[in-house]
Amino acid sequence: MAQPAVLESELAPYFTTKAPFQFPVNFREGFVKYWPIVSLVLLLISLPAILAFLGIGAAFMPVSFLGGLGTGFFYTVVMVFSLIGVVLRALALPGLFNRTRSGWVFSYYAELLSILGSLLSISIIGVLFGLLFLLLLFQVRSYYR
């Protein structure tokens, strides 16, 4: 196995052997087979939203500091995390289609950033869905060589 990603070896037991439940093998195989296609479609659908987010987000960034320094700072940080996450998900696509470890690692980093952004914006549902997706990612890790 290649060198583990940041926090991968620490998190792996909690999302595999110590996990509250295991996804069925059929579900895992279906996820590995169809997730690259779903991810590509979601990226294409979200492209107009991303462009609007960049335009409107850049316009509102100075105004966000009117709510206080903390509000503006966290808005800026979450916006940067979101953009980096989208880039990482796009970089993961070739690896996901070819089932290489690099695709899994890019998806893993994108999900970690998503969870961190959800924590900063105090989105409990975002954190829960992120952890659920991270659980699934760790359980399909062996499918990526």
Protein backbone atom coordinates (compact mmCIF):
# COMPACT_ATOMS: atom_id res chain seq x y z
CA MET A 1 0.00 0.00 0.00
CA ALA A 2 1.20 3.51 -0.77
CA GLN A 3 2.04 6.04 1.88
CA PRO A 4 -1.10 6.88 3.88
CA ALA A 5 -2.76 10.27 3.47
CA VAL A 6 -2.90 12.76 6.34
CA LEU A 7 -4.92 11.29 9.24
CA GLU A 8 -5.77 8.20 7.18
CA SER A 9 -4.12 5.68 9.48
CA GLU A 10 -5.63 7.35 12.56
CA LEU A 11 -9.17 7.49 11.15
CA ALA A 12 -9.20 4.11 9.38
CA PRO A 13 -10.04 1.95 12.43
CA TYR A 14 -12.99 4.18 13.37
CA PHE A 15 -14.49 3.98 9.89
CA THR A 16 -13.77 0.30 9.19
CA THR A 17 -13.37 -2.16 12.06
CA LYS A 18 -14.81 0.02 14.84
CA ALA A 19 -17.55 1.50 12.64
CA PRO A 20 -21.13 1.29 13.93
CA PHE A 21 -22.15 -0.53 10.73
CA GLN A 22 -20.70 -1.86 7.50
CA PHE A 23 -22.14 -1.13 4.10
CA PRO A 24 -23.15 -4.30 2.21
CA VAL A 25 -20.65 -5.55 -0.38
CA ASN A 26 -23.15 -5.05 -3.22
CA PHE A 27 -23.63 -1.43 -2.21
CA ARG A 28 -19.86 -0.86 -2.04
CA GLU A 29 -19.33 -2.38 -5.49
CA GLY A 30 -22.16 -0.28 -6.92
CA PHE A 31 -20.71 2.83 -5.33
CA VAL A 32 -17.26 2.20 -6.79
CA LYS A 33 -18.80 1.48 -10.20
CA TYR A 34 -21.21 4.42 -10.42
CA TRP A 35 -19.73 7.12 -8.17
CA PRO A 36 -17.36 8.55 -10.84
CA ILE A 37 -20.29 9.05 -13.22
CA VAL A 38 -22.48 10.59 -10.52
CA SER A 39 -19.62 12.81 -9.40
CA LEU A 40 -19.01 14.03 -12.95
CA VAL A 41 -22.69 14.80 -13.49
CA LEU A 42 -22.88 16.65 -10.15
CA LEU A 43 -19.80 18.70 -11.01
CA LEU A 44 -21.26 19.63 -14.41
CA ILE A 45 -24.62 20.54 -12.89
CA SER A 46 -22.95 22.61 -10.17
CA LEU A 47 -20.72 24.52 -12.59
CA PRO A 48 -23.17 27.45 -13.06
CA ALA A 49 -23.68 27.58 -9.30
CA ILE A 50 -19.93 27.60 -8.74
CA LEU A 51 -19.47 30.46 -11.19
CA ALA A 52 -22.29 32.40 -9.54
CA PHE A 53 -20.79 31.61 -6.15
CA LEU A 54 -17.46 33.04 -7.28
CA GLY A 55 -19.05 36.20 -8.65
CA ILE A 56 -21.58 36.88 -5.92
CA GLY A 57 -19.27 35.57 -3.21
CA ALA A 58 -16.49 37.91 -4.31
CA ALA A 59 -18.95 40.80 -4.38
CA PHE A 60 -20.27 40.03 -0.88
CA MET A 61 -16.91 39.31 0.70
CA PRO A 62 -16.20 42.92 1.80
CA VAL A 63 -19.78 43.30 3.02
CA SER A 64 -19.52 40.10 5.08
CA PHE A 65 -17.12 41.87 7.43
CA LEU A 66 -19.90 44.32 8.39
CA GLY A 67 -21.35 41.51 10.51
CA GLY A 68 -18.12 41.54 12.50
CA LEU A 69 -14.60 40.40 11.93
CA GLY A 70 -15.41 36.81 12.91
CA THR A 71 -18.35 36.56 10.53
CA GLY A 72 -16.38 37.87 7.56
CA PHE A 73 -13.36 35.73 8.37
CA PHE A 74 -15.37 32.50 8.65
CA TYR A 75 -17.31 33.35 5.47
CA THR A 76 -14.02 33.80 3.62
CA VAL A 77 -12.50 30.60 5.05
CA VAL A 78 -15.57 28.50 4.21
CA MET A 79 -15.66 29.97 0.70
CA VAL A 80 -11.98 29.09 0.14
CA PHE A 81 -12.52 25.56 1.56
CA SER A 82 -15.48 25.06 -0.78
CA LEU A 83 -13.49 26.12 -3.82
CA ILE A 84 -10.55 23.89 -2.90
CA GLY A 85 -12.99 21.01 -2.33
CA VAL A 86 -14.48 21.43 -5.80
CA VAL A 87 -11.00 21.44 -7.35
CA LEU A 88 -10.06 18.31 -5.39
CA ARG A 89 -13.25 16.54 -6.49
CA ALA A 90 -12.49 17.44 -10.11
CA LEU A 91 -8.91 16.17 -9.71
CA ALA A 92 -10.27 12.92 -8.26
CA LEU A 93 -12.34 12.08 -11.34
CA PRO A 94 -9.62 10.44 -13.48
CA GLY A 95 -8.49 8.35 -10.52
CA LEU A 96 -12.05 7.33 -9.67
CA PHE A 97 -12.72 6.20 -13.23
CA ASN A 98 -9.45 4.21 -13.27
CA ARG A 99 -9.86 3.03 -9.66
CA THR A 100 -6.46 4.32 -8.61
CA ARG A 101 -5.47 5.33 -5.11
CA SER A 102 -4.94 8.96 -6.15
CA GLY A 103 -8.65 9.27 -6.94
CA TRP A 104 -9.53 7.95 -3.51
CA VAL A 105 -7.02 10.28 -1.81
CA PHE A 106 -8.35 13.37 -3.61
CA SER A 107 -11.91 12.39 -2.63
CA TYR A 108 -10.76 11.83 0.95
CA TYR A 109 -9.11 15.27 1.16
CA ALA A 110 -12.15 16.92 -0.42
CA GLU A 111 -14.41 15.28 2.16
CA LEU A 112 -12.15 16.31 5.05
CA LEU A 113 -12.31 19.91 3.82
CA SER A 114 -16.07 19.64 3.47
CA ILE A 115 -16.40 18.42 7.06
CA LEU A 116 -14.10 21.17 8.31
CA GLY A 117 -16.12 23.79 6.43
CA SER A 118 -19.34 22.37 7.89
CA LEU A 119 -17.84 22.56 11.37
CA LEU A 120 -16.80 26.18 10.86
CA SER A 121 -20.23 27.15 9.54
CA ILE A 122 -21.88 25.15 12.35
CA SER A 123 -23.80 22.90 9.97
CA ILE A 124 -24.54 19.78 11.97
CA ILE A 125 -26.32 18.09 9.07
CA GLY A 126 -23.33 18.83 6.82
CA VAL A 127 -20.99 17.27 9.36
CA LEU A 128 -23.19 14.17 9.72
CA PHE A 129 -23.47 13.64 5.96
CA GLY A 130 -19.72 14.24 5.63
CA LEU A 131 -18.96 11.63 8.26
CA LEU A 132 -21.33 9.17 6.58
CA PHE A 133 -19.61 9.72 3.24
CA LEU A 134 -16.21 9.37 4.92
CA LEU A 135 -17.40 6.06 6.38
CA LEU A 136 -18.31 4.90 2.89
CA LEU A 137 -15.00 6.12 1.46
CA PHE A 138 -13.01 4.15 4.00
CA GLN A 139 -15.07 1.03 3.41
CA VAL A 140 -14.40 1.15 -0.36
CA ARG A 141 -10.72 2.08 0.04
CA SER A 142 -9.58 -1.46 -0.80
CA TYR A 143 -11.16 -1.18 -4.28
CA TYR A 144 -8.64 1.51 -5.27
CA ARG A 145 -5.12 0.30 -6.02
